């Protein structure tokens, strides 16, 4: 079980009584039975980017509040992503243009939510995108690669998929209870990392690479060069253990979930998860728009905290109606 899944399970166990009381206002149906828990909310989101001290900008991002495209349905569908390119921006551009369409074409649910079908569609979409990207790169003579962190909101369910070192962080409220009648309870936001980094030095990734005939150098890089063990593209490394198979997690949105921050490794190099959540929460509490908040987050990372890398963030805010 992943750290994210374990965290959600612990919270569900410890706060079960409180959640049962809180959700009496909403109709609850099991998502495993092809339905979703309904909480009335709308989504607001935006992105910001800065190339930092790099000569070029190799990141791409996606913000689609209505992401159904040519696949309309009754189920809400929103999509958000960051693609962090390396060796150039062509792989990031390709994935940004094609991944979501490939996921939809693979059968992403548009009417009744089925979790297994949704995850299979995301997995197939990643596979199809990487296969066609590798073909395009071979024909075009380029070898760029890209990591990715992606979110799909389907009805009440959130799906998070990633390859590489880009991260997603959820801001979830926790209640500190004071008196017996909860009259002085205090709400605070907890940062929950929704993704797992894919680095060659990690034991599970190292073992897979070695079985594929690749090597991890003393500096923790694949073949002494690549810092990640999963990515789109990078066709010169695909025969020595590099894959584009994502980790995929899902969870139900509740009224305790406030926002998600997607960020490339440049952002998380100067912001810790809790630090970023606190920074965003403070600005949102001041009444600033998500557009302004995303720009200020990136400005803080680059101008004040001296991020030298490309820096991109997507902020997804869940607002109760």
C-alpha atoms as a PDB file:
ATOM      1  CA  UNK A   1       0.000   0.000   0.000  1.00  0.00           C
ATOM      2  CA  UNK A   2       1.380   3.444  -0.943  1.00  0.00           C
ATOM      3  CA  UNK A   3       2.067   6.177   1.611  1.00  0.00           C
ATOM      4  CA  UNK A   4      -0.871   8.133   0.178  1.00  0.00           C
ATOM      5  CA  UNK A   5      -3.254   5.194   0.487  1.00  0.00           C
ATOM      6  CA  UNK A   6      -2.081   4.469   4.029  1.00  0.00           C
ATOM      7  CA  UNK A   7      -2.611   8.113   5.001  1.00  0.00           C
ATOM      8  CA  UNK A   8      -6.149   8.139   3.655  1.00  0.00           C
ATOM      9  CA  UNK A   9      -6.943   4.860   5.417  1.00  0.00           C
ATOM     10  CA  UNK A  10      -5.648   6.112   8.772  1.00  0.00           C
ATOM     11  CA  UNK A  11      -7.655   9.309   8.437  1.00  0.00           C
ATOM     12  CA  UNK A  12     -10.771   7.403   7.437  1.00  0.00           C
ATOM     13  CA  UNK A  13     -10.443   5.093  10.443  1.00  0.00           C
ATOM     14  CA  UNK A  14      -9.765   7.840  12.986  1.00  0.00           C
ATOM     15  CA  UNK A  15     -12.408  10.223  11.725  1.00  0.00           C
ATOM     16  CA  UNK A  16     -15.136   7.773  10.735  1.00  0.00           C
ATOM     17  CA  UNK A  17     -17.704   8.956  13.288  1.00  0.00           C
ATOM     18  CA  UNK A  18     -17.183  12.601  12.392  1.00  0.00           C
ATOM     19  CA  UNK A  19     -17.468  11.950   8.644  1.00  0.00           C
ATOM     20  CA  UNK A  20     -20.661   9.919   9.020  1.00  0.00           C
ATOM     21  CA  UNK A  21     -22.260  12.860  10.820  1.00  0.00           C
ATOM     22  CA  UNK A  22     -20.944  15.398   8.335  1.00  0.00           C
ATOM     23  CA  UNK A  23     -22.128  13.510   5.278  1.00  0.00           C
ATOM     24  CA  UNK A  24     -25.750  13.113   6.378  1.00  0.00           C
ATOM     25  CA  UNK A  25     -26.436  16.228   4.321  1.00  0.00           C
ATOM     26  CA  UNK A  26     -25.282  14.455   1.161  1.00  0.00           C
ATOM     27  CA  UNK A  27     -26.514  11.384  -0.618  1.00  0.00           C
ATOM     28  CA  UNK A  28     -23.872   8.697  -0.277  1.00  0.00           C
ATOM     29  CA  UNK A  29     -23.421   5.915  -2.733  1.00  0.00           C
ATOM     30  CA  UNK A  30     -20.503   3.561  -3.128  1.00  0.00           C
ATOM     31  CA  UNK A  31     -18.248   4.472  -6.035  1.00  0.00           C
ATOM     32  CA  UNK A  32     -17.320   0.831  -6.277  1.00  0.00           C
ATOM     33  CA  UNK A  33     -20.980   0.237  -7.225  1.00  0.00           C
ATOM     34  CA  UNK A  34     -20.647   2.605 -10.192  1.00  0.00           C
ATOM     35  CA  UNK A  35     -21.869   5.684  -8.350  1.00  0.00           C
ATOM     36  CA  UNK A  36     -20.278   8.582  -6.494  1.00  0.00           C
ATOM     37  CA  UNK A  37     -20.719  10.494  -3.290  1.00  0.00           C
ATOM     38  CA  UNK A  38     -22.268  13.810  -4.224  1.00  0.00           C
ATOM     39  CA  UNK A  39     -21.066  17.019  -2.640  1.00  0.00           C
ATOM     40  CA  UNK A  40     -22.068  20.244  -4.317  1.00  0.00           C
ATOM     41  CA  UNK A  41     -18.905  22.007  -5.444  1.00  0.00           C
ATOM     42  CA  UNK A  42     -17.396  23.796  -8.385  1.00  0.00           C
ATOM     43  CA  UNK A  43     -13.802  23.870  -9.551  1.00  0.00           C
ATOM     44  CA  UNK A  44     -11.625  26.907 -10.128  1.00  0.00           C
ATOM     45  CA  UNK A  45      -8.104  26.451 -11.453  1.00  0.00           C
ATOM     46  CA  UNK A  46      -5.222  28.177 -13.173  1.00  0.00           C
ATOM     47  CA  UNK A  47      -1.524  27.774 -13.866  1.00  0.00           C
ATOM     48  CA  UNK A  48       1.616  29.889 -13.804  1.00  0.00           C
ATOM     49  CA  UNK A  49       5.130  29.307 -15.086  1.00  0.00           C
ATOM     50  CA  UNK A  50       8.602  30.844 -15.162  1.00  0.00           C
ATOM     51  CA  UNK A  51      11.720  29.555 -16.901  1.00  0.00           C
ATOM     52  CA  UNK A  52      13.884  30.486 -13.921  1.00  0.00           C
ATOM     53  CA  UNK A  53      17.550  30.809 -14.832  1.00  0.00           C
ATOM     54  CA  UNK A  54      17.276  28.375 -17.731  1.00  0.00           C
ATOM     55  CA  UNK A  55      17.712  29.586 -21.285  1.00  0.00           C
ATOM     56  CA  UNK A  56      14.553  27.866 -22.472  1.00  0.00           C
ATOM     57  CA  UNK A  57      11.168  26.875 -21.046  1.00  0.00           C
ATOM     58  CA  UNK A  58      10.547  23.127 -21.376  1.00  0.00           C
ATOM     59  CA  UNK A  59       7.407  22.751 -19.220  1.00  0.00           C
ATOM     60  CA  UNK A  60       3.858  22.431 -20.543  1.00  0.00           C
ATOM     61  CA  UNK A  61       0.593  22.455 -18.601  1.00  0.00           C
ATOM     62  CA  UNK A  62      -3.126  21.755 -19.024  1.00  0.00           C
ATOM     63  CA  UNK A  63      -6.149  23.326 -17.316  1.00  0.00           C
ATOM     64  CA  UNK A  64      -9.462  21.998 -18.651  1.00  0.00           C
ATOM     65  CA  UNK A  65     -12.458  22.681 -16.444  1.00  0.00           C
ATOM     66  CA  UNK A  66     -14.693  21.001 -19.024  1.00  0.00           C
ATOM     67  CA  UNK A  67     -12.568  18.219 -20.439  1.00  0.00           C
ATOM     68  CA  UNK A  68     -15.193  16.081 -22.171  1.00  0.00           C
ATOM     69  CA  UNK A  69     -14.145  17.230 -25.678  1.00  0.00           C
ATOM     70  CA  UNK A  70     -15.828  14.904 -28.191  1.00  0.00           C
ATOM     71  CA  UNK A  71     -16.970  12.523 -25.451  1.00  0.00           C
ATOM     72  CA  UNK A  72     -19.950  14.236 -23.772  1.00  0.00           C
ATOM     73  CA  UNK A  73     -21.676  12.626 -20.823  1.00  0.00           C
ATOM     74  CA  UNK A  74     -23.515  13.319 -17.604  1.00  0.00           C
ATOM     75  CA  UNK A  75     -20.411  12.754 -15.469  1.00  0.00           C
ATOM     76  CA  UNK A  76     -18.375  15.852 -14.651  1.00  0.00           C
ATOM     77  CA  UNK A  77     -14.957  15.633 -16.333  1.00  0.00           C
ATOM     78  CA  UNK A  78     -12.129  18.058 -15.578  1.00  0.00           C
ATOM     79  CA  UNK A  79      -8.448  17.551 -16.368  1.00  0.00           C
ATOM     80  CA  UNK A  80      -5.226  19.186 -15.182  1.00  0.00           C
ATOM     81  CA  UNK A  81      -1.599  18.328 -15.870  1.00  0.00           C
ATOM     82  CA  UNK A  82       2.017  19.432 -15.864  1.00  0.00           C
ATOM     83  CA  UNK A  83       4.597  18.002 -18.258  1.00  0.00           C
ATOM     84  CA  UNK A  84       8.203  18.718 -17.297  1.00  0.00           C
ATOM     85  CA  UNK A  85      10.424  18.341 -20.333  1.00  0.00           C
ATOM     86  CA  UNK A  86      14.117  17.519 -20.357  1.00  0.00           C
ATOM     87  CA  UNK A  87      16.534  17.553 -23.275  1.00  0.00           C
ATOM     88  CA  UNK A  88      14.102  19.878 -25.035  1.00  0.00           C
ATOM     89  CA  UNK A  89      10.371  20.591 -24.911  1.00  0.00           C
ATOM     90  CA  UNK A  90       9.143  18.411 -27.780  1.00  0.00           C
ATOM     91  CA  UNK A  91       8.135  15.442 -25.595  1.00  0.00           C
ATOM     92  CA  UNK A  92       6.313  17.715 -23.164  1.00  0.00           C
ATOM     93  CA  UNK A  93       4.491  19.415 -26.035  1.00  0.00           C
ATOM     94  CA  UNK A  94       3.515  16.078 -27.553  1.00  0.00           C
ATOM     95  CA  UNK A  95       2.167  14.653 -24.297  1.00  0.00           C
ATOM     96  CA  UNK A  96       0.308  17.882 -23.562  1.00  0.00           C
ATOM     97  CA  UNK A  97      -1.454  17.668 -26.923  1.00  0.00           C
ATOM     98  CA  UNK A  98      -2.256  13.955 -26.961  1.00  0.00           C
ATOM     99  CA  UNK A  99      -2.489  12.316 -23.526  1.00  0.00           C
ATOM    100  CA  UNK A 100      -5.956  13.451 -22.473  1.00  0.00           C
ATOM    101  CA  UNK A 101      -7.446  12.641 -25.862  1.00  0.00           C
ATOM    102  CA  UNK A 102      -5.897   9.181 -25.714  1.00  0.00           C
ATOM    103  CA  UNK A 103      -7.315   8.623 -22.223  1.00  0.00           C
ATOM    104  CA  UNK A 104     -10.794   9.621 -23.403  1.00  0.00           C
ATOM    105  CA  UNK A 105     -10.500   7.398 -26.463  1.00  0.00           C
ATOM    106  CA  UNK A 106      -9.424   4.495 -24.239  1.00  0.00           C
ATOM    107  CA  UNK A 107     -12.821   4.575 -22.536  1.00  0.00           C
ATOM    108  CA  UNK A 108     -12.671   7.035 -19.653  1.00  0.00           C
ATOM    109  CA  UNK A 109     -16.176   6.787 -18.098  1.00  0.00           C
ATOM    110  CA  UNK A 110     -18.541   9.578 -19.141  1.00  0.00           C
ATOM    111  CA  UNK A 111     -21.839   8.391 -17.675  1.00  0.00           C
ATOM    112  CA  UNK A 112     -21.573   6.005 -14.708  1.00  0.00           C
ATOM    113  CA  UNK A 113     -18.282   5.993 -12.844  1.00  0.00           C
ATOM    114  CA  UNK A 114     -16.396   2.725 -12.739  1.00  0.00           C
ATOM    115  CA  UNK A 115     -13.060   3.076 -10.950  1.00  0.00           C
ATOM    116  CA  UNK A 116     -11.389   0.084 -12.587  1.00  0.00           C
ATOM    117  CA  UNK A 117     -12.421   1.241 -16.048  1.00  0.00           C
ATOM    118  CA  UNK A 118     -11.175   4.762 -15.350  1.00  0.00           C
ATOM    119  CA  UNK A 119      -7.775   3.554 -14.143  1.00  0.00           C
ATOM    120  CA  UNK A 120      -7.440   1.189 -17.085  1.00  0.00           C
ATOM    121  CA  UNK A 121      -8.261   4.048 -19.477  1.00  0.00           C
ATOM    122  CA  UNK A 122      -5.613   6.266 -17.893  1.00  0.00           C
ATOM    123  CA  UNK A 123      -3.051   3.463 -18.059  1.00  0.00           C
ATOM    124  CA  UNK A 124      -3.885   2.758 -21.707  1.00  0.00           C
ATOM    125  CA  UNK A 125      -3.758   6.482 -22.488  1.00  0.00           C
ATOM    126  CA  UNK A 126      -0.241   6.759 -21.069  1.00  0.00           C
ATOM    127  CA  UNK A 127       0.871   3.676 -23.023  1.00  0.00           C
ATOM    128  CA  UNK A 128      -0.617   4.901 -26.307  1.00  0.00           C
ATOM    129  CA  UNK A 129       0.850   8.382 -25.851  1.00  0.00           C
ATOM    130  CA  UNK A 130       4.348   7.069 -25.188  1.00  0.00           C
ATOM    131  CA  UNK A 131       4.220   4.643 -28.102  1.00  0.00           C
ATOM    132  CA  UNK A 132       3.184   7.312 -30.587  1.00  0.00           C
ATOM    133  CA  UNK A 133       5.592   9.830 -29.051  1.00  0.00           C
ATOM    134  CA  UNK A 134       8.505   7.412 -29.489  1.00  0.00           C
ATOM    135  CA  UNK A 135       7.535   6.880 -33.115  1.00  0.00           C
ATOM    136  CA  UNK A 136       7.332  10.636 -33.696  1.00  0.00           C
ATOM    137  CA  UNK A 137      10.698  11.200 -32.040  1.00  0.00           C
ATOM    138  CA  UNK A 138      12.340   8.483 -34.140  1.00  0.00           C
ATOM    139  CA  UNK A 139      10.912   9.960 -37.330  1.00  0.00           C
ATOM    140  CA  UNK A 140      11.875  13.477 -36.278  1.00  0.00           C
ATOM    141  CA  UNK A 141      15.321  12.599 -34.990  1.00  0.00           C
ATOM    142  CA  UNK A 142      14.846  14.003 -31.480  1.00  0.00           C
ATOM    143  CA  UNK A 143      15.278  12.305 -28.099  1.00  0.00           C
ATOM    144  CA  UNK A 144      13.483  14.597 -25.644  1.00  0.00           C
ATOM    145  CA  UNK A 145      11.703  13.240 -22.583  1.00  0.00           C
ATOM    146  CA  UNK A 146       9.109  14.506 -20.126  1.00  0.00           C
ATOM    147  CA  UNK A 147       7.836  13.646 -16.674  1.00  0.00           C
ATOM    148  CA  UNK A 148       4.164  14.187 -15.893  1.00  0.00           C
ATOM    149  CA  UNK A 149       1.664  14.664 -13.104  1.00  0.00           C
ATOM    150  CA  UNK A 150      -2.005  14.532 -14.110  1.00  0.00           C
ATOM    151  CA  UNK A 151      -5.377  14.854 -12.404  1.00  0.00           C
ATOM    152  CA  UNK A 152      -8.807  13.865 -13.655  1.00  0.00           C
ATOM    153  CA  UNK A 153     -11.922  14.823 -11.693  1.00  0.00           C
ATOM    154  CA  UNK A 154     -14.775  12.500 -12.648  1.00  0.00           C
ATOM    155  CA  UNK A 155     -17.929  13.319 -10.777  1.00  0.00           C
ATOM    156  CA  UNK A 156     -16.924  13.140  -7.119  1.00  0.00           C
ATOM    157  CA  UNK A 157     -13.804  11.034  -7.700  1.00  0.00           C
ATOM    158  CA  UNK A 158     -10.265  12.348  -8.204  1.00  0.00           C
ATOM    159  CA  UNK A 159      -7.703  10.318 -10.153  1.00  0.00           C
ATOM    160  CA  UNK A 160      -4.009  11.187  -9.918  1.00  0.00           C
ATOM    161  CA  UNK A 161      -1.395   9.711 -12.266  1.00  0.00           C
ATOM    162  CA  UNK A 162       2.307  10.457 -12.492  1.00  0.00           C
ATOM    163  CA  UNK A 163       5.604   9.428 -14.031  1.00  0.00           C
ATOM    164  CA  UNK A 164       8.883  10.896 -12.809  1.00  0.00           C
ATOM    165  CA  UNK A 165       9.397  13.545 -10.154  1.00  0.00           C
ATOM    166  CA  UNK A 166       6.540  16.018 -10.636  1.00  0.00           C
ATOM    167  CA  UNK A 167       4.187  15.992  -7.634  1.00  0.00           C
ATOM    168  CA  UNK A 168       0.597  16.560  -6.590  1.00  0.00           C
ATOM    169  CA  UNK A 169      -0.253  17.752  -3.067  1.00  0.00           C
ATOM    170  CA  UNK A 170      -3.742  17.838  -1.544  1.00  0.00           C
ATOM    171  CA  UNK A 171      -4.778  20.391   1.094  1.00  0.00           C
ATOM    172  CA  UNK A 172      -7.213  18.651   3.445  1.00  0.00           C
ATOM    173  CA  UNK A 173      -8.676  20.139   6.612  1.00  0.00           C
ATOM    174  CA  UNK A 174      -8.190  18.326   9.899  1.00  0.00           C
ATOM    175  CA  UNK A 175     -10.092  19.155  13.057  1.00  0.00           C
ATOM    176  CA  UNK A 176      -8.361  19.727  16.374  1.00  0.00           C
ATOM    177  CA  UNK A 177     -11.018  19.178  19.004  1.00  0.00           C
ATOM    178  CA  UNK A 178     -10.813  21.220  22.190  1.00  0.00           C
ATOM    179  CA  UNK A 179     -13.836  20.922  24.446  1.00  0.00           C
ATOM    180  CA  UNK A 180     -16.099  17.919  24.776  1.00  0.00           C
ATOM    181  CA  UNK A 181     -18.891  19.529  22.764  1.00  0.00           C
ATOM    182  CA  UNK A 182     -16.473  20.575  19.967  1.00  0.00           C
ATOM    183  CA  UNK A 183     -17.475  24.214  20.435  1.00  0.00           C
ATOM    184  CA  UNK A 184     -13.891  25.396  20.154  1.00  0.00           C
ATOM    185  CA  UNK A 185     -12.665  23.040  17.444  1.00  0.00           C
ATOM    186  CA  UNK A 186     -10.011  24.467  15.125  1.00  0.00           C
ATOM    187  CA  UNK A 187      -9.676  23.642  11.432  1.00  0.00           C
ATOM    188  CA  UNK A 188      -6.199  23.415   9.944  1.00  0.00           C
ATOM    189  CA  UNK A 189      -4.988  22.236   6.546  1.00  0.00           C
ATOM    190  CA  UNK A 190      -2.807  19.180   6.196  1.00  0.00           C
ATOM    191  CA  UNK A 191      -0.626  18.624   3.131  1.00  0.00           C
ATOM    192  CA  UNK A 192      -1.021  15.124   1.678  1.00  0.00           C
ATOM    193  CA  UNK A 193       1.389  14.097  -1.082  1.00  0.00           C
ATOM    194  CA  UNK A 194      -0.655  12.224  -3.681  1.00  0.00           C
ATOM    195  CA  UNK A 195       2.229  10.974  -5.813  1.00  0.00           C
ATOM    196  CA  UNK A 196       5.356   8.839  -5.519  1.00  0.00           C
ATOM    197  CA  UNK A 197       8.570   9.972  -7.162  1.00  0.00           C
ATOM    198  CA  UNK A 198      10.236   7.627  -9.636  1.00  0.00           C
ATOM    199  CA  UNK A 199      13.996   7.776  -9.153  1.00  0.00           C
ATOM    200  CA  UNK A 200      16.506   5.145 -10.346  1.00  0.00           C
ATOM    201  CA  UNK A 201      18.082   5.007  -6.898  1.00  0.00           C
ATOM    202  CA  UNK A 202      14.889   3.774  -5.204  1.00  0.00           C
ATOM    203  CA  UNK A 203      15.083  -0.015  -4.591  1.00  0.00           C
ATOM    204  CA  UNK A 204      11.947  -0.992  -6.511  1.00  0.00           C
ATOM    205  CA  UNK A 205      12.923   1.122  -9.508  1.00  0.00           C
ATOM    206  CA  UNK A 206      16.575   0.011  -9.387  1.00  0.00           C
ATOM    207  CA  UNK A 207      15.536  -3.651  -9.405  1.00  0.00           C
ATOM    208  CA  UNK A 208      13.276  -3.146 -12.412  1.00  0.00           C
ATOM    209  CA  UNK A 209      16.011  -1.282 -14.290  1.00  0.00           C
ATOM    210  CA  UNK A 210      18.611  -3.959 -13.588  1.00  0.00           C
ATOM    211  CA  UNK A 211      16.240  -6.716 -14.731  1.00  0.00           C
ATOM    212  CA  UNK A 212      15.820  -4.801 -17.999  1.00  0.00           C
ATOM    213  CA  UNK A 213      19.591  -4.716 -18.500  1.00  0.00           C
ATOM    214  CA  UNK A 214      20.130  -1.140 -17.374  1.00  0.00           C
ATOM    215  CA  UNK A 215      22.390   0.249 -14.689  1.00  0.00           C
ATOM    216  CA  UNK A 216      22.122   2.835 -11.945  1.00  0.00           C
ATOM    217  CA  UNK A 217      25.310   4.805 -11.404  1.00  0.00           C
ATOM    218  CA  UNK A 218      26.751   5.913  -8.074  1.00  0.00           C
ATOM    219  CA  UNK A 219      25.140   9.321  -8.543  1.00  0.00           C
ATOM    220  CA  UNK A 220      21.709   7.671  -8.727  1.00  0.00           C
ATOM    221  CA  UNK A 221      21.131   8.167 -12.451  1.00  0.00           C
ATOM    222  CA  UNK A 222      19.939   5.729 -15.078  1.00  0.00           C
ATOM    223  CA  UNK A 223      22.948   4.835 -17.235  1.00  0.00           C
ATOM    224  CA  UNK A 224      24.753   7.639 -15.406  1.00  0.00           C
ATOM    225  CA  UNK A 225      22.623  10.263 -17.155  1.00  0.00           C
ATOM    226  CA  UNK A 226      18.877  10.299 -16.444  1.00  0.00           C
ATOM    227  CA  UNK A 227      17.602  11.406 -13.027  1.00  0.00           C
ATOM    228  CA  UNK A 228      14.185   9.723 -13.323  1.00  0.00           C
ATOM    229  CA  UNK A 229      13.199   6.110 -13.921  1.00  0.00           C
ATOM    230  CA  UNK A 230       9.824   6.789 -15.571  1.00  0.00           C
ATOM    231  CA  UNK A 231       9.074   9.325 -18.289  1.00  0.00           C
ATOM    232  CA  UNK A 232       7.540   9.891 -21.680  1.00  0.00           C
ATOM    233  CA  UNK A 233       9.978   9.717 -24.574  1.00  0.00           C
ATOM    234  CA  UNK A 234      13.732   9.371 -23.940  1.00  0.00           C
ATOM    235  CA  UNK A 235      13.783   6.600 -26.536  1.00  0.00           C
ATOM    236  CA  UNK A 236      17.519   5.963 -26.009  1.00  0.00           C
ATOM    237  CA  UNK A 237      16.707   4.724 -22.480  1.00  0.00           C
ATOM    238  CA  UNK A 238      13.577   2.675 -23.169  1.00  0.00           C
ATOM    239  CA  UNK A 239      15.525  -0.570 -23.690  1.00  0.00           C
ATOM    240  CA  UNK A 240      17.406  -0.214 -20.398  1.00  0.00           C
ATOM    241  CA  UNK A 241      14.552   0.119 -17.929  1.00  0.00           C
ATOM    242  CA  UNK A 242      12.900   3.488 -18.502  1.00  0.00           C
ATOM    243  CA  UNK A 243       9.104   3.141 -18.676  1.00  0.00           C
ATOM    244  CA  UNK A 244       6.124   5.478 -18.955  1.00  0.00           C
ATOM    245  CA  UNK A 245       3.861   3.369 -16.727  1.00  0.00           C
ATOM    246  CA  UNK A 246       2.188   5.689 -14.207  1.00  0.00           C
ATOM    247  CA  UNK A 247       1.252   5.233 -10.602  1.00  0.00           C
ATOM    248  CA  UNK A 248      -2.510   5.843 -10.405  1.00  0.00           C
ATOM    249  CA  UNK A 249      -4.409   6.668  -7.220  1.00  0.00           C
ATOM    250  CA  UNK A 250      -8.007   7.722  -6.644  1.00  0.00           C
ATOM    251  CA  UNK A 251     -10.063   9.130  -3.803  1.00  0.00           C
ATOM    252  CA  UNK A 252     -13.482  10.648  -3.167  1.00  0.00           C
ATOM    253  CA  UNK A 253     -13.702  14.395  -2.682  1.00  0.00           C
ATOM    254  CA  UNK A 254     -15.220  15.457   0.633  1.00  0.00           C
ATOM    255  CA  UNK A 255     -16.000  18.842   2.119  1.00  0.00           C
ATOM    256  CA  UNK A 256     -12.618  18.667   3.876  1.00  0.00           C
ATOM    257  CA  UNK A 257     -10.673  18.795   0.602  1.00  0.00           C
ATOM    258  CA  UNK A 258      -9.818  22.376  -0.329  1.00  0.00           C
ATOM    259  CA  UNK A 259      -7.283  22.429  -3.153  1.00  0.00           C
ATOM    260  CA  UNK A 260      -4.595  20.491  -5.009  1.00  0.00           C
ATOM    261  CA  UNK A 261      -1.225  21.882  -6.070  1.00  0.00           C
ATOM    262  CA  UNK A 262       0.510  20.324  -9.070  1.00  0.00           C
ATOM    263  CA  UNK A 263       4.150  21.238  -9.457  1.00  0.00           C
ATOM    264  CA  UNK A 264       7.224  20.287 -11.444  1.00  0.00           C
ATOM    265  CA  UNK A 265      10.412  19.367  -9.597  1.00  0.00           C
ATOM    266  CA  UNK A 266      11.582  22.974  -9.801  1.00  0.00           C
ATOM    267  CA  UNK A 267       8.737  24.110  -7.545  1.00  0.00           C
ATOM    268  CA  UNK A 268       9.199  21.298  -5.030  1.00  0.00           C
ATOM    269  CA  UNK A 269      12.919  21.968  -4.924  1.00  0.00           C
ATOM    270  CA  UNK A 270      12.246  25.211  -3.036  1.00  0.00           C
ATOM    271  CA  UNK A 271       8.842  24.477  -1.455  1.00  0.00           C
ATOM    272  CA  UNK A 272       7.994  21.640   0.897  1.00  0.00           C
ATOM    273  CA  UNK A 273       4.427  20.276   0.631  1.00  0.00           C
ATOM    274  CA  UNK A 274       3.219  21.851   3.898  1.00  0.00           C
ATOM    275  CA  UNK A 275       5.008  25.095   3.091  1.00  0.00           C
ATOM    276  CA  UNK A 276       3.275  25.333  -0.290  1.00  0.00           C
ATOM    277  CA  UNK A 277      -0.146  24.536   1.187  1.00  0.00           C
ATOM    278  CA  UNK A 278       0.275  27.207   3.866  1.00  0.00           C
ATOM    279  CA  UNK A 279       1.418  29.757   1.264  1.00  0.00           C
ATOM    280  CA  UNK A 280      -1.557  29.098  -1.019  1.00  0.00           C
ATOM    281  CA  UNK A 281      -4.064  28.953   1.835  1.00  0.00           C
ATOM    282  CA  UNK A 282      -2.978  32.343   3.158  1.00  0.00           C
ATOM    283  CA  UNK A 283      -3.488  34.009  -0.223  1.00  0.00           C
ATOM    284  CA  UNK A 284      -6.829  32.317  -0.863  1.00  0.00           C
ATOM    285  CA  UNK A 285      -8.015  33.399   2.586  1.00  0.00           C
ATOM    286  CA  UNK A 286      -7.175  36.976   1.584  1.00  0.00           C
ATOM    287  CA  UNK A 287      -9.730  36.647  -1.205  1.00  0.00           C
ATOM    288  CA  UNK A 288      -7.254  36.534  -4.087  1.00  0.00           C
ATOM    289  CA  UNK A 289      -8.210  34.712  -7.269  1.00  0.00           C
ATOM    290  CA  UNK A 290      -6.614  31.391  -8.143  1.00  0.00           C
ATOM    291  CA  UNK A 291      -4.931  33.132 -11.086  1.00  0.00           C
ATOM    292  CA  UNK A 292      -3.209  35.620  -8.805  1.00  0.00           C
ATOM    293  CA  UNK A 293      -2.357  32.935  -6.255  1.00  0.00           C
ATOM    294  CA  UNK A 294      -0.692  30.693  -8.847  1.00  0.00           C
ATOM    295  CA  UNK A 295       1.383  33.621 -10.143  1.00  0.00           C
ATOM    296  CA  UNK A 296       2.467  34.612  -6.653  1.00  0.00           C
ATOM    297  CA  UNK A 297       3.439  31.049  -5.824  1.00  0.00           C
ATOM    298  CA  UNK A 298       5.724  30.890  -8.851  1.00  0.00           C
ATOM    299  CA  UNK A 299       7.092  34.372  -8.228  1.00  0.00           C
ATOM    300  CA  UNK A 300       7.926  33.389  -4.656  1.00  0.00           C
ATOM    301  CA  UNK A 301       9.662  30.232  -5.886  1.00  0.00           C
ATOM    302  CA  UNK A 302      11.767  31.978  -8.527  1.00  0.00           C
ATOM    303  CA  UNK A 303      12.335  35.522  -7.273  1.00  0.00           C
ATOM    304  CA  UNK A 304      12.496  34.971  -3.521  1.00  0.00           C
ATOM    305  CA  UNK A 305      13.554  31.345  -3.097  1.00  0.00           C
ATOM    306  CA  UNK A 306      15.845  31.376  -6.114  1.00  0.00           C
ATOM    307  CA  UNK A 307      14.550  28.380  -8.024  1.00  0.00           C
ATOM    308  CA  UNK A 308      17.026  28.012 -10.893  1.00  0.00           C
ATOM    309  CA  UNK A 309      15.030  25.448 -12.851  1.00  0.00           C
ATOM    310  CA  UNK A 310      11.898  25.861 -14.958  1.00  0.00           C
ATOM    311  CA  UNK A 311       9.064  26.320 -12.480  1.00  0.00           C
ATOM    312  CA  UNK A 312       5.390  25.539 -13.155  1.00  0.00           C
ATOM    313  CA  UNK A 313       2.378  25.124 -10.878  1.00  0.00           C
ATOM    314  CA  UNK A 314      -1.303  24.342 -11.364  1.00  0.00           C
ATOM    315  CA  UNK A 315      -3.666  25.144  -8.492  1.00  0.00           C
ATOM    316  CA  UNK A 316      -7.060  23.395  -8.413  1.00  0.00           C
ATOM    317  CA  UNK A 317      -9.531  24.848  -5.903  1.00  0.00           C
ATOM    318  CA  UNK A 318     -12.714  23.057  -4.843  1.00  0.00           C
ATOM    319  CA  UNK A 319     -15.410  25.575  -3.915  1.00  0.00           C
ATOM    320  CA  UNK A 320     -18.614  24.582  -2.145  1.00  0.00           C
ATOM    321  CA  UNK A 321     -21.807  25.852  -3.737  1.00  0.00           C
END
